[in-house]
Amino acid sequence: MNFKEKLLQLKDKYKELENQLMGTFEDPKEMAKISKEYSDLKPVIELSNLYLKTENDMIQAEEMMKDSSLKEIAESEFYECKEKLPEIENQIKIALLPKDEADDKSAILEIRAGTGGDEAAIFAGDLFNMYKAYSELKGWKLEVLNYHENEAGGFKEIISNISGKGVFGRLKFESGAHRVQRVPETESAGRVHTSAATVAVMPEAEDVDIEILDKDLRIDTYRASGAGGQHVNKTDSAIRITHIPTNTVVQCQDERSQFKNKDRAMKMLRAKLYEAQRQKLDEERAGMRKSQVGTGDRSDKIRTYNYPQNRVTDHRVNLTLYKLDYVMVGEALDEIIDKLITEDQIQKLSEL
């Protein structure tokens, strides 16, 4: 089947789905499934119509070229259409790439200080502020689920829930080791120090995505410690949940309410188990081969932030921007993310 035949087949499928949606459904889930398939196919059909129209215009222009009085105009239109076709074809192929079902989901963002002591904790705080600013620019809602502050500033660990459509799809390639090079405020000799923080981004999971049995959980309560006000040493409001089959542990002590802490801890646990399940499936599908972009391996050094040079380098796609100041306030982060997404699409296209 050639490319044009494939497009006509997709148009037939789209019409079939349209007719089905005009009917009645006994099962709401079936209706939702068909509605989603129809919605997902719509941009592909719009591009297909553009491709077929452009191809038809090219054929007509070729015919017009036989008329000497129209040859110059027709020739110009012919080559313009011929140039557009491969570009539209590529857009269609990208639109037809298998979708990551988690891309539209909200996300759990974990940032942890790595090597570098106090400076690493301060950098973890800087990364958190970067993603917070980026979330605000995107109109997403960021809620801190749990954190452990560092005495010198910043965080040993901070876990957040970022809610909004397509959050995971935009942030999933942020997982990995982020390295910073700068002169710490405590450095009197002006020497540049290198420290690191790790980032993990996981899709927020619903009950339908992952089943967690009560019998598989051990829930412990304890008194919260550290910053948090007068209540921290008075009530056993902090929650630690252990998922016994996988020995996955999450904890939350940020809220006064034990119920709220449990709810937040369960949200973190669902995300961790869902991501582990997704990674297992991805490894099976890929034959244990990691992709070039977005391996999610937190030991991989994915990006370097060099303050003296105002430079950010993403090592996976060899992208360097001399606008660190704009990246750290979220404004230029899209330039990096767009490049990562494009590289991922190119790789997937090459594998088809």
C-alpha atoms as a PDB file:
ATOM      1  CA  MET A   1       0.000   0.000   0.000  1.00  0.00           C
ATOM      2  CA  ASN A   2       1.459   3.355  -1.056  1.00  0.00           C
ATOM      3  CA  PHE A   3       1.254   6.561   0.988  1.00  0.00           C
ATOM      4  CA  LYS A   4      -1.777   7.983  -0.860  1.00  0.00           C
ATOM      5  CA  GLU A   5      -3.733   4.729  -0.463  1.00  0.00           C
ATOM      6  CA  LYS A   6      -2.955   4.812   3.262  1.00  0.00           C
ATOM      7  CA  LEU A   7      -4.363   8.348   3.499  1.00  0.00           C
ATOM      8  CA  LEU A   8      -7.571   7.354   1.712  1.00  0.00           C
ATOM      9  CA  GLN A   9      -7.902   4.362   4.054  1.00  0.00           C
ATOM     10  CA  LEU A  10      -7.543   6.703   7.065  1.00  0.00           C
ATOM     11  CA  LYS A  11     -10.241   8.992   5.636  1.00  0.00           C
ATOM     12  CA  ASP A  12     -12.578   6.006   5.338  1.00  0.00           C
ATOM     13  CA  LYS A  13     -11.818   5.037   8.934  1.00  0.00           C
ATOM     14  CA  TYR A  14     -12.512   8.605  10.097  1.00  0.00           C
ATOM     15  CA  LYS A  15     -15.878   8.623   8.289  1.00  0.00           C
ATOM     16  CA  GLU A  16     -16.739   5.264   9.842  1.00  0.00           C
ATOM     17  CA  LEU A  17     -15.983   6.591  13.353  1.00  0.00           C
ATOM     18  CA  GLU A  18     -18.043   9.709  12.603  1.00  0.00           C
ATOM     19  CA  ASN A  19     -21.040   7.552  11.636  1.00  0.00           C
ATOM     20  CA  GLN A  20     -20.632   5.450  14.782  1.00  0.00           C
ATOM     21  CA  LEU A  21     -20.674   8.570  16.979  1.00  0.00           C
ATOM     22  CA  MET A  22     -23.985   9.619  15.409  1.00  0.00           C
ATOM     23  CA  GLY A  23     -25.540   6.407  16.758  1.00  0.00           C
ATOM     24  CA  THR A  24     -26.433   5.393  20.304  1.00  0.00           C
ATOM     25  CA  PHE A  25     -24.250   3.582  22.834  1.00  0.00           C
ATOM     26  CA  GLU A  26     -25.246   1.272  25.662  1.00  0.00           C
ATOM     27  CA  ASP A  27     -21.735   1.298  27.090  1.00  0.00           C
ATOM     28  CA  PRO A  28     -20.366   4.792  27.948  1.00  0.00           C
ATOM     29  CA  LYS A  29     -16.818   3.398  27.916  1.00  0.00           C
ATOM     30  CA  GLU A  30     -17.223   2.281  24.301  1.00  0.00           C
ATOM     31  CA  MET A  31     -18.467   5.735  23.352  1.00  0.00           C
ATOM     32  CA  ALA A  32     -15.520   7.370  25.119  1.00  0.00           C
ATOM     33  CA  LYS A  33     -13.102   5.033  23.329  1.00  0.00           C
ATOM     34  CA  ILE A  34     -14.520   5.790  19.866  1.00  0.00           C
ATOM     35  CA  SER A  35     -14.749   9.500  20.641  1.00  0.00           C
ATOM     36  CA  LYS A  36     -11.057   9.575  21.624  1.00  0.00           C
ATOM     37  CA  GLU A  37     -10.034   7.643  18.503  1.00  0.00           C
ATOM     38  CA  TYR A  38     -12.036  10.089  16.376  1.00  0.00           C
ATOM     39  CA  SER A  39     -10.508  13.087  18.137  1.00  0.00           C
ATOM     40  CA  ASP A  40      -6.952  11.697  17.807  1.00  0.00           C
ATOM     41  CA  LEU A  41      -7.449  11.059  14.098  1.00  0.00           C
ATOM     42  CA  LYS A  42      -8.846  14.534  13.310  1.00  0.00           C
ATOM     43  CA  PRO A  43      -5.473  16.369  12.961  1.00  0.00           C
ATOM     44  CA  VAL A  44      -4.189  13.507  10.772  1.00  0.00           C
ATOM     45  CA  ILE A  45      -7.227  13.847   8.491  1.00  0.00           C
ATOM     46  CA  GLU A  46      -6.752  17.612   8.240  1.00  0.00           C
ATOM     47  CA  LEU A  47      -3.135  17.071   7.177  1.00  0.00           C
ATOM     48  CA  SER A  48      -4.219  14.301   4.792  1.00  0.00           C
ATOM     49  CA  ASN A  49      -6.733  16.636   3.126  1.00  0.00           C
ATOM     50  CA  LEU A  50      -3.989  19.230   2.757  1.00  0.00           C
ATOM     51  CA  TYR A  51      -1.643  16.621   1.252  1.00  0.00           C
ATOM     52  CA  LEU A  52      -4.245  15.388  -1.252  1.00  0.00           C
ATOM     53  CA  LYS A  53      -5.201  18.964  -2.233  1.00  0.00           C
ATOM     54  CA  THR A  54      -1.542  19.940  -2.682  1.00  0.00           C
ATOM     55  CA  GLU A  55      -0.938  16.849  -4.807  1.00  0.00           C
ATOM     56  CA  ASN A  56      -4.006  17.637  -6.924  1.00  0.00           C
ATOM     57  CA  ASP A  57      -2.873  21.269  -7.347  1.00  0.00           C
ATOM     58  CA  MET A  58       0.523  19.994  -8.487  1.00  0.00           C
ATOM     59  CA  ILE A  59      -1.085  17.687 -11.102  1.00  0.00           C
ATOM     60  CA  GLN A  60      -3.253  20.548 -12.400  1.00  0.00           C
ATOM     61  CA  ALA A  61      -0.244  22.880 -12.559  1.00  0.00           C
ATOM     62  CA  GLU A  62       1.640  20.238 -14.553  1.00  0.00           C
ATOM     63  CA  GLU A  63      -1.220  20.127 -17.069  1.00  0.00           C
ATOM     64  CA  MET A  64      -1.291  23.945 -17.273  1.00  0.00           C
ATOM     65  CA  MET A  65       2.422  23.974 -18.075  1.00  0.00           C
ATOM     66  CA  LYS A  66       1.545  22.558 -21.527  1.00  0.00           C
ATOM     67  CA  ASP A  67      -0.067  25.923 -22.320  1.00  0.00           C
ATOM     68  CA  SER A  68       2.775  28.283 -23.269  1.00  0.00           C
ATOM     69  CA  SER A  69       0.836  31.351 -22.104  1.00  0.00           C
ATOM     70  CA  LEU A  70       0.422  29.865 -18.599  1.00  0.00           C
ATOM     71  CA  LYS A  71       3.702  27.979 -18.391  1.00  0.00           C
ATOM     72  CA  GLU A  72       5.604  30.453 -16.190  1.00  0.00           C
ATOM     73  CA  ILE A  73       2.837  30.776 -13.547  1.00  0.00           C
ATOM     74  CA  ALA A  74       2.037  27.059 -13.646  1.00  0.00           C
ATOM     75  CA  GLU A  75       5.703  26.111 -13.317  1.00  0.00           C
ATOM     76  CA  SER A  76       6.033  28.241 -10.193  1.00  0.00           C
ATOM     77  CA  GLU A  77       2.954  26.623  -8.618  1.00  0.00           C
ATOM     78  CA  PHE A  78       4.107  23.134  -9.648  1.00  0.00           C
ATOM     79  CA  TYR A  79       7.478  23.419  -7.884  1.00  0.00           C
ATOM     80  CA  GLU A  80       5.921  25.104  -4.851  1.00  0.00           C
ATOM     81  CA  CYS A  81       3.510  22.179  -4.410  1.00  0.00           C
ATOM     82  CA  LYS A  82       6.266  19.634  -5.091  1.00  0.00           C
ATOM     83  CA  GLU A  83       8.360  21.213  -2.327  1.00  0.00           C
ATOM     84  CA  LYS A  84       5.472  21.187   0.154  1.00  0.00           C
ATOM     85  CA  LEU A  85       4.488  17.526  -0.267  1.00  0.00           C
ATOM     86  CA  PRO A  86       7.453  15.877   1.561  1.00  0.00           C
ATOM     87  CA  GLU A  87       7.051  18.358   4.429  1.00  0.00           C
ATOM     88  CA  ILE A  88       3.322  17.551   4.812  1.00  0.00           C
ATOM     89  CA  GLU A  89       4.064  13.828   4.482  1.00  0.00           C
ATOM     90  CA  ASN A  90       6.550  14.071   7.351  1.00  0.00           C
ATOM     91  CA  GLN A  91       3.998  15.919   9.511  1.00  0.00           C
ATOM     92  CA  ILE A  92       1.474  13.139   8.836  1.00  0.00           C
ATOM     93  CA  LYS A  93       3.988  10.437   9.774  1.00  0.00           C
ATOM     94  CA  ILE A  94       4.772  12.251  13.041  1.00  0.00           C
ATOM     95  CA  ALA A  95       1.043  12.571  13.771  1.00  0.00           C
ATOM     96  CA  LEU A  96       0.675   8.818  13.173  1.00  0.00           C
ATOM     97  CA  LEU A  97       3.498   7.838  15.528  1.00  0.00           C
ATOM     98  CA  PRO A  98       2.356   5.616  18.427  1.00  0.00           C
ATOM     99  CA  LYS A  99       1.243   7.879  21.253  1.00  0.00           C
ATOM    100  CA  ASP A 100       2.515   7.514  24.806  1.00  0.00           C
ATOM    101  CA  GLU A 101      -0.747   7.039  26.683  1.00  0.00           C
ATOM    102  CA  ALA A 102       0.710   8.931  29.647  1.00  0.00           C
ATOM    103  CA  ASP A 103       1.630  12.101  27.711  1.00  0.00           C
ATOM    104  CA  ASP A 104      -1.651  13.866  28.495  1.00  0.00           C
ATOM    105  CA  LYS A 105      -1.398  13.139  32.208  1.00  0.00           C
ATOM    106  CA  SER A 106      -0.356  15.349  35.096  1.00  0.00           C
ATOM    107  CA  ALA A 107       3.021  14.481  36.648  1.00  0.00           C
ATOM    108  CA  ILE A 108       4.860  13.856  39.891  1.00  0.00           C
ATOM    109  CA  LEU A 109       8.167  15.744  39.969  1.00  0.00           C
ATOM    110  CA  GLU A 110      10.918  14.588  42.327  1.00  0.00           C
ATOM    111  CA  ILE A 111      14.107  16.618  42.795  1.00  0.00           C
ATOM    112  CA  ARG A 112      16.924  15.396  45.052  1.00  0.00           C
ATOM    113  CA  ALA A 113      20.265  16.937  45.917  1.00  0.00           C
ATOM    114  CA  GLY A 114      23.165  14.834  44.647  1.00  0.00           C
ATOM    115  CA  THR A 115      26.906  15.235  45.033  1.00  0.00           C
ATOM    116  CA  GLY A 116      28.098  18.631  46.226  1.00  0.00           C
ATOM    117  CA  GLY A 117      26.796  19.004  49.774  1.00  0.00           C
ATOM    118  CA  ASP A 118      25.070  22.304  50.566  1.00  0.00           C
ATOM    119  CA  GLU A 119      25.587  23.641  47.053  1.00  0.00           C
ATOM    120  CA  ALA A 120      23.771  20.609  45.612  1.00  0.00           C
ATOM    121  CA  ALA A 121      20.786  21.302  47.897  1.00  0.00           C
ATOM    122  CA  ILE A 122      20.734  24.950  46.823  1.00  0.00           C
ATOM    123  CA  PHE A 123      20.818  23.829  43.169  1.00  0.00           C
ATOM    124  CA  ALA A 124      17.923  21.420  43.833  1.00  0.00           C
ATOM    125  CA  GLY A 125      15.996  24.451  45.086  1.00  0.00           C
ATOM    126  CA  ASP A 126      16.944  26.395  41.949  1.00  0.00           C
ATOM    127  CA  LEU A 127      15.650  23.561  39.745  1.00  0.00           C
ATOM    128  CA  PHE A 128      12.410  23.465  41.716  1.00  0.00           C
ATOM    129  CA  ASN A 129      11.966  27.216  41.206  1.00  0.00           C
ATOM    130  CA  MET A 130      12.670  26.771  37.476  1.00  0.00           C
ATOM    131  CA  TYR A 131       9.942  24.146  37.093  1.00  0.00           C
ATOM    132  CA  LYS A 132       7.593  26.193  39.280  1.00  0.00           C
ATOM    133  CA  ALA A 133       8.076  29.253  37.052  1.00  0.00           C
ATOM    134  CA  TYR A 134       7.678  27.102  33.921  1.00  0.00           C
ATOM    135  CA  SER A 135       4.440  25.637  35.311  1.00  0.00           C
ATOM    136  CA  GLU A 136       3.073  29.125  35.925  1.00  0.00           C
ATOM    137  CA  LEU A 137       3.891  30.124  32.339  1.00  0.00           C
ATOM    138  CA  LYS A 138       2.042  27.031  31.082  1.00  0.00           C
ATOM    139  CA  GLY A 139      -0.967  27.621  33.315  1.00  0.00           C
ATOM    140  CA  TRP A 140      -0.342  24.406  35.266  1.00  0.00           C
ATOM    141  CA  LYS A 141      -0.941  24.011  38.991  1.00  0.00           C
ATOM    142  CA  LEU A 142       2.057  22.978  41.119  1.00  0.00           C
ATOM    143  CA  GLU A 143       1.468  21.543  44.596  1.00  0.00           C
ATOM    144  CA  VAL A 144       4.314  20.508  46.906  1.00  0.00           C
ATOM    145  CA  LEU A 145       3.674  17.023  48.301  1.00  0.00           C
ATOM    146  CA  ASN A 146       6.698  16.585  50.544  1.00  0.00           C
ATOM    147  CA  TYR A 147      10.095  18.187  51.148  1.00  0.00           C
ATOM    148  CA  HIS A 148      13.197  18.103  53.333  1.00  0.00           C
ATOM    149  CA  GLU A 149      14.975  21.426  53.600  1.00  0.00           C
ATOM    150  CA  ASN A 150      18.705  21.910  53.877  1.00  0.00           C
ATOM    151  CA  GLU A 151      20.093  24.073  56.677  1.00  0.00           C
ATOM    152  CA  ALA A 152      22.105  26.141  54.193  1.00  0.00           C
ATOM    153  CA  GLY A 153      19.070  26.690  51.955  1.00  0.00           C
ATOM    154  CA  GLY A 154      17.453  24.710  49.200  1.00  0.00           C
ATOM    155  CA  PHE A 155      16.261  21.126  49.548  1.00  0.00           C
ATOM    156  CA  LYS A 156      17.698  17.705  50.180  1.00  0.00           C
ATOM    157  CA  GLU A 157      14.506  16.488  48.496  1.00  0.00           C
ATOM    158  CA  ILE A 158      11.299  18.080  47.199  1.00  0.00           C
ATOM    159  CA  ILE A 159       8.378  16.245  45.598  1.00  0.00           C
ATOM    160  CA  SER A 160       5.601  18.054  43.743  1.00  0.00           C
ATOM    161  CA  ASN A 161       2.430  17.281  41.817  1.00  0.00           C
ATOM    162  CA  ILE A 162       2.056  19.327  38.617  1.00  0.00           C
ATOM    163  CA  SER A 163      -1.514  19.263  37.315  1.00  0.00           C
ATOM    164  CA  GLY A 164      -2.583  20.150  33.800  1.00  0.00           C
ATOM    165  CA  LYS A 165      -3.122  18.675  30.359  1.00  0.00           C
ATOM    166  CA  GLY A 166       0.019  17.328  28.719  1.00  0.00           C
ATOM    167  CA  VAL A 167       2.334  17.945  31.686  1.00  0.00           C
ATOM    168  CA  PHE A 168       4.063  14.572  31.505  1.00  0.00           C
ATOM    169  CA  GLY A 169       4.471  14.814  27.730  1.00  0.00           C
ATOM    170  CA  ARG A 170       6.372  18.095  28.137  1.00  0.00           C
ATOM    171  CA  LEU A 171       8.447  17.186  31.195  1.00  0.00           C
ATOM    172  CA  LYS A 172       9.224  13.483  30.778  1.00  0.00           C
ATOM    173  CA  PHE A 173      12.649  14.108  29.227  1.00  0.00           C
ATOM    174  CA  GLU A 174      13.726  16.101  32.303  1.00  0.00           C
ATOM    175  CA  SER A 175      14.449  12.872  34.212  1.00  0.00           C
ATOM    176  CA  GLY A 176      18.148  12.397  34.884  1.00  0.00           C
ATOM    177  CA  ALA A 177      21.161  14.002  36.529  1.00  0.00           C
ATOM    178  CA  HIS A 178      21.429  17.797  36.231  1.00  0.00           C
ATOM    179  CA  ARG A 179      24.882  19.274  36.863  1.00  0.00           C
ATOM    180  CA  VAL A 180      25.691  22.843  37.917  1.00  0.00           C
ATOM    181  CA  GLN A 181      28.985  24.707  37.609  1.00  0.00           C
ATOM    182  CA  ARG A 182      29.269  27.974  39.540  1.00  0.00           C
ATOM    183  CA  VAL A 183      31.057  29.828  42.321  1.00  0.00           C
ATOM    184  CA  PRO A 184      29.260  29.194  45.650  1.00  0.00           C
ATOM    185  CA  GLU A 185      28.527  32.232  47.832  1.00  0.00           C
ATOM    186  CA  THR A 186      30.721  30.678  50.527  1.00  0.00           C
ATOM    187  CA  GLU A 187      33.693  30.334  48.165  1.00  0.00           C
ATOM    188  CA  SER A 188      36.101  33.151  49.030  1.00  0.00           C
ATOM    189  CA  ALA A 189      38.708  32.247  46.406  1.00  0.00           C
ATOM    190  CA  GLY A 190      36.224  32.501  43.534  1.00  0.00           C
ATOM    191  CA  ARG A 191      36.689  28.909  42.381  1.00  0.00           C
ATOM    192  CA  VAL A 192      33.999  27.225  40.289  1.00  0.00           C
ATOM    193  CA  HIS A 193      32.463  24.203  41.994  1.00  0.00           C
ATOM    194  CA  THR A 194      30.542  21.369  40.357  1.00  0.00           C
ATOM    195  CA  SER A 195      27.554  19.761  42.052  1.00  0.00           C
ATOM    196  CA  ALA A 196      24.473  17.886  40.937  1.00  0.00           C
ATOM    197  CA  ALA A 197      20.830  17.116  41.562  1.00  0.00           C
ATOM    198  CA  THR A 198      18.652  14.335  40.188  1.00  0.00           C
ATOM    199  CA  VAL A 199      15.221  14.837  38.672  1.00  0.00           C
ATOM    200  CA  ALA A 200      12.558  12.185  38.211  1.00  0.00           C
ATOM    201  CA  VAL A 201       9.300  12.858  36.365  1.00  0.00           C
ATOM    202  CA  MET A 202       6.522  10.280  36.599  1.00  0.00           C
ATOM    203  CA  PRO A 203       2.996  10.365  35.166  1.00  0.00           C
ATOM    204  CA  GLU A 204       0.329  10.789  37.815  1.00  0.00           C
ATOM    205  CA  ALA A 205      -1.576   7.518  38.014  1.00  0.00           C
ATOM    206  CA  GLU A 206      -5.279   7.038  38.638  1.00  0.00           C
ATOM    207  CA  ASP A 207      -6.896   4.047  40.311  1.00  0.00           C
ATOM    208  CA  VAL A 208      -7.722   2.672  36.856  1.00  0.00           C
ATOM    209  CA  ASP A 209      -4.059   2.776  35.820  1.00  0.00           C
ATOM    210  CA  ILE A 210      -2.659   0.765  38.708  1.00  0.00           C
ATOM    211  CA  GLU A 211      -4.332  -1.528  41.231  1.00  0.00           C
ATOM    212  CA  ILE A 212      -3.012  -1.351  44.790  1.00  0.00           C
ATOM    213  CA  LEU A 213      -4.366  -3.843  47.296  1.00  0.00           C
ATOM    214  CA  ASP A 214      -4.786  -2.827  50.943  1.00  0.00           C
ATOM    215  CA  LYS A 215      -3.173  -6.086  52.062  1.00  0.00           C
ATOM    216  CA  ASP A 216       0.013  -5.103  50.198  1.00  0.00           C
ATOM    217  CA  LEU A 217       0.451  -1.897  52.205  1.00  0.00           C
ATOM    218  CA  ARG A 218       2.100  -1.187  55.534  1.00  0.00           C
ATOM    219  CA  ILE A 219       1.137   2.248  56.843  1.00  0.00           C
ATOM    220  CA  ASP A 220       3.115   3.836  59.678  1.00  0.00           C
ATOM    221  CA  THR A 221       2.391   7.123  61.418  1.00  0.00           C
ATOM    222  CA  TYR A 222       4.993   9.238  63.180  1.00  0.00           C
ATOM    223  CA  ARG A 223       5.570  12.740  64.419  1.00  0.00           C
ATOM    224  CA  ALA A 224       6.687  15.191  61.778  1.00  0.00           C
ATOM    225  CA  SER A 225      10.042  16.877  62.194  1.00  0.00           C
ATOM    226  CA  GLY A 226      11.732  19.976  60.846  1.00  0.00           C
ATOM    227  CA  ALA A 227      10.068  23.093  59.484  1.00  0.00           C
ATOM    228  CA  GLY A 228       6.301  23.143  59.596  1.00  0.00           C
ATOM    229  CA  GLY A 229       5.128  25.135  62.584  1.00  0.00           C
ATOM    230  CA  GLN A 230       4.123  24.342  66.159  1.00  0.00           C
ATOM    231  CA  HIS A 231       2.162  21.215  65.289  1.00  0.00           C
ATOM    232  CA  VAL A 232       5.111  19.162  64.123  1.00  0.00           C
ATOM    233  CA  ASN A 233       6.004  17.637  67.471  1.00  0.00           C
ATOM    234  CA  LYS A 234       2.483  17.331  68.884  1.00  0.00           C
ATOM    235  CA  THR A 235       0.624  14.930  66.588  1.00  0.00           C
ATOM    236  CA  ASP A 236       1.439  11.728  64.717  1.00  0.00           C
ATOM    237  CA  SER A 237       0.315  13.303  61.436  1.00  0.00           C
ATOM    238  CA  ALA A 238       3.227  12.167  59.245  1.00  0.00           C
ATOM    239  CA  ILE A 239       2.636   9.086  57.100  1.00  0.00           C
ATOM    240  CA  ARG A 240       5.001   6.462  55.727  1.00  0.00           C
ATOM    241  CA  ILE A 241       3.580   3.871  53.316  1.00  0.00           C
ATOM    242  CA  THR A 242       5.469   0.746  52.257  1.00  0.00           C
ATOM    243  CA  HIS A 243       4.292  -1.279  49.258  1.00  0.00           C
ATOM    244  CA  ILE A 244       5.370  -4.698  50.496  1.00  0.00           C
ATOM    245  CA  PRO A 245       5.620  -6.636  47.165  1.00  0.00           C
ATOM    246  CA  THR A 246       8.018  -4.079  45.637  1.00  0.00           C
ATOM    247  CA  ASN A 247       9.452  -2.603  48.868  1.00  0.00           C
ATOM    248  CA  THR A 248       8.580   0.870  47.532  1.00  0.00           C
ATOM    249  CA  VAL A 249       8.475   3.455  50.333  1.00  0.00           C
ATOM    250  CA  VAL A 250       6.876   6.906  50.234  1.00  0.00           C
ATOM    251  CA  GLN A 251       6.296   9.379  53.027  1.00  0.00           C
ATOM    252  CA  CYS A 252       4.588  12.705  53.593  1.00  0.00           C
ATOM    253  CA  GLN A 253       4.657  15.043  56.581  1.00  0.00           C
ATOM    254  CA  ASP A 254       3.798  18.379  54.989  1.00  0.00           C
ATOM    255  CA  GLU A 255       0.174  18.654  56.147  1.00  0.00           C
ATOM    256  CA  ARG A 256      -1.288  18.897  59.647  1.00  0.00           C
ATOM    257  CA  SER A 257      -3.937  16.347  58.697  1.00  0.00           C
ATOM    258  CA  GLN A 258      -2.983  12.669  58.774  1.00  0.00           C
ATOM    259  CA  PHE A 259      -5.712  12.039  56.156  1.00  0.00           C
ATOM    260  CA  LYS A 260      -4.233  14.625  53.764  1.00  0.00           C
ATOM    261  CA  ASN A 261      -0.722  13.242  54.225  1.00  0.00           C
ATOM    262  CA  LYS A 262      -1.994   9.732  53.491  1.00  0.00           C
ATOM    263  CA  ASP A 263      -3.797  10.952  50.365  1.00  0.00           C
ATOM    264  CA  ARG A 264      -0.622  12.656  49.105  1.00  0.00           C
ATOM    265  CA  ALA A 265       1.549   9.651  49.937  1.00  0.00           C
ATOM    266  CA  MET A 266      -0.823   7.359  48.005  1.00  0.00           C
ATOM    267  CA  LYS A 267      -0.612   9.710  45.021  1.00  0.00           C
ATOM    268  CA  MET A 268       3.198   9.392  45.099  1.00  0.00           C
ATOM    269  CA  LEU A 269       3.030   5.608  45.500  1.00  0.00           C
ATOM    270  CA  ARG A 270       0.618   5.169  42.568  1.00  0.00           C
ATOM    271  CA  ALA A 271       2.920   7.258  40.373  1.00  0.00           C
ATOM    272  CA  LYS A 272       6.024   5.249  41.352  1.00  0.00           C
ATOM    273  CA  LEU A 273       4.357   1.879  40.737  1.00  0.00           C
ATOM    274  CA  TYR A 274       2.780   3.048  37.471  1.00  0.00           C
ATOM    275  CA  GLU A 275       6.125   4.356  36.192  1.00  0.00           C
ATOM    276  CA  ALA A 276       7.875   1.100  37.157  1.00  0.00           C
ATOM    277  CA  GLN A 277       5.197  -0.801  35.233  1.00  0.00           C
ATOM    278  CA  ARG A 278       5.592   1.493  32.203  1.00  0.00           C
ATOM    279  CA  GLN A 279       9.379   1.142  32.207  1.00  0.00           C
ATOM    280  CA  LYS A 280       9.124  -2.637  32.359  1.00  0.00           C
ATOM    281  CA  LEU A 281       6.807  -2.656  29.338  1.00  0.00           C
ATOM    282  CA  ASP A 282       9.042  -0.194  27.457  1.00  0.00           C
ATOM    283  CA  GLU A 283      12.094  -2.390  28.087  1.00  0.00           C
ATOM    284  CA  GLU A 284      10.258  -5.458  26.851  1.00  0.00           C
ATOM    285  CA  ARG A 285       9.100  -3.653  23.704  1.00  0.00           C
ATOM    286  CA  ALA A 286      12.534  -2.228  22.988  1.00  0.00           C
ATOM    287  CA  GLY A 287      14.385  -5.448  23.730  1.00  0.00           C
ATOM    288  CA  MET A 288      16.106  -3.837  26.710  1.00  0.00           C
ATOM    289  CA  ARG A 289      17.595  -1.184  24.402  1.00  0.00           C
ATOM    290  CA  LYS A 290      17.515   2.359  25.772  1.00  0.00           C
ATOM    291  CA  SER A 291      16.577   5.170  23.417  1.00  0.00           C
ATOM    292  CA  GLN A 292      18.949   8.038  22.765  1.00  0.00           C
ATOM    293  CA  VAL A 293      16.618  10.609  24.316  1.00  0.00           C
ATOM    294  CA  GLY A 294      14.866  10.327  27.642  1.00  0.00           C
ATOM    295  CA  THR A 295      16.174   7.091  29.079  1.00  0.00           C
ATOM    296  CA  GLY A 296      14.896   8.175  32.476  1.00  0.00           C
ATOM    297  CA  ASP A 297      18.065   6.784  34.034  1.00  0.00           C
ATOM    298  CA  ARG A 298      18.814   9.169  36.875  1.00  0.00           C
ATOM    299  CA  SER A 299      22.521   8.301  36.777  1.00  0.00           C
ATOM    300  CA  ASP A 300      22.763   9.740  33.261  1.00  0.00           C
ATOM    301  CA  LYS A 301      24.178  13.270  33.155  1.00  0.00           C
ATOM    302  CA  ILE A 302      21.665  14.916  30.878  1.00  0.00           C
ATOM    303  CA  ARG A 303      22.295  18.653  31.288  1.00  0.00           C
ATOM    304  CA  THR A 304      24.909  21.107  32.555  1.00  0.00           C
ATOM    305  CA  TYR A 305      24.128  24.594  33.884  1.00  0.00           C
ATOM    306  CA  ASN A 306      27.252  26.780  33.724  1.00  0.00           C
ATOM    307  CA  TYR A 307      26.677  30.072  35.547  1.00  0.00           C
ATOM    308  CA  PRO A 308      29.982  31.862  34.750  1.00  0.00           C
ATOM    309  CA  GLN A 309      29.285  31.436  31.013  1.00  0.00           C
ATOM    310  CA  ASN A 310      25.464  31.848  31.291  1.00  0.00           C
ATOM    311  CA  ARG A 311      25.340  28.547  29.412  1.00  0.00           C
ATOM    312  CA  VAL A 312      23.037  25.513  29.418  1.00  0.00           C
ATOM    313  CA  THR A 313      24.033  22.366  27.536  1.00  0.00           C
ATOM    314  CA  ASP A 314      21.776  19.359  27.016  1.00  0.00           C
ATOM    315  CA  HIS A 315      24.178  16.511  26.310  1.00  0.00           C
ATOM    316  CA  ARG A 316      21.608  14.174  24.717  1.00  0.00           C
ATOM    317  CA  VAL A 317      20.939  16.426  21.735  1.00  0.00           C
ATOM    318  CA  ASN A 318      24.151  18.500  21.789  1.00  0.00           C
ATOM    319  CA  LEU A 319      22.148  21.685  22.322  1.00  0.00           C
ATOM    320  CA  THR A 320      23.850  24.695  23.928  1.00  0.00           C
ATOM    321  CA  LEU A 321      22.051  27.924  24.814  1.00  0.00           C
ATOM    322  CA  TYR A 322      23.791  31.016  26.170  1.00  0.00           C
ATOM    323  CA  LYS A 323      20.704  32.140  28.052  1.00  0.00           C
ATOM    324  CA  LEU A 324      20.904  30.335  31.388  1.00  0.00           C
ATOM    325  CA  ASP A 325      19.204  33.290  33.090  1.00  0.00           C
ATOM    326  CA  TYR A 326      16.115  32.840  30.894  1.00  0.00           C
ATOM    327  CA  VAL A 327      16.119  29.046  31.303  1.00  0.00           C
ATOM    328  CA  MET A 328      16.158  29.309  35.107  1.00  0.00           C
ATOM    329  CA  VAL A 329      13.015  31.461  35.116  1.00  0.00           C
ATOM    330  CA  GLY A 330      11.257  29.015  32.787  1.00  0.00           C
ATOM    331  CA  GLU A 331      11.146  31.336  29.788  1.00  0.00           C
ATOM    332  CA  ALA A 332      13.667  29.505  27.574  1.00  0.00           C
ATOM    333  CA  LEU A 333      13.035  25.969  28.834  1.00  0.00           C
ATOM    334  CA  ASP A 334      10.707  25.284  25.887  1.00  0.00           C
ATOM    335  CA  GLU A 335      13.643  25.646  23.491  1.00  0.00           C
ATOM    336  CA  ILE A 336      15.317  22.650  25.141  1.00  0.00           C
ATOM    337  CA  ILE A 337      12.130  20.617  25.557  1.00  0.00           C
ATOM    338  CA  ASP A 338      11.024  21.203  21.935  1.00  0.00           C
ATOM    339  CA  LYS A 339      14.413  20.005  20.683  1.00  0.00           C
ATOM    340  CA  LEU A 340      14.192  16.850  22.834  1.00  0.00           C
ATOM    341  CA  ILE A 341      10.668  16.070  21.600  1.00  0.00           C
ATOM    342  CA  THR A 342      11.692  16.631  17.963  1.00  0.00           C
ATOM    343  CA  GLU A 343      14.743  14.372  18.363  1.00  0.00           C
ATOM    344  CA  ASP A 344      12.551  11.681  19.905  1.00  0.00           C
ATOM    345  CA  GLN A 345      10.131  11.919  16.957  1.00  0.00           C
ATOM    346  CA  ILE A 346      12.960  11.691  14.426  1.00  0.00           C
ATOM    347  CA  GLN A 347      14.294   8.595  16.152  1.00  0.00           C
ATOM    348  CA  LYS A 348      10.881   6.936  16.205  1.00  0.00           C
ATOM    349  CA  LEU A 349      10.350   7.747  12.517  1.00  0.00           C
ATOM    350  CA  SER A 350      13.688   6.140  11.651  1.00  0.00           C
ATOM    351  CA  GLU A 351      12.599   2.972  13.445  1.00  0.00           C
ATOM    352  CA  LEU A 352       9.332   2.637  11.510  1.00  0.00           C
END
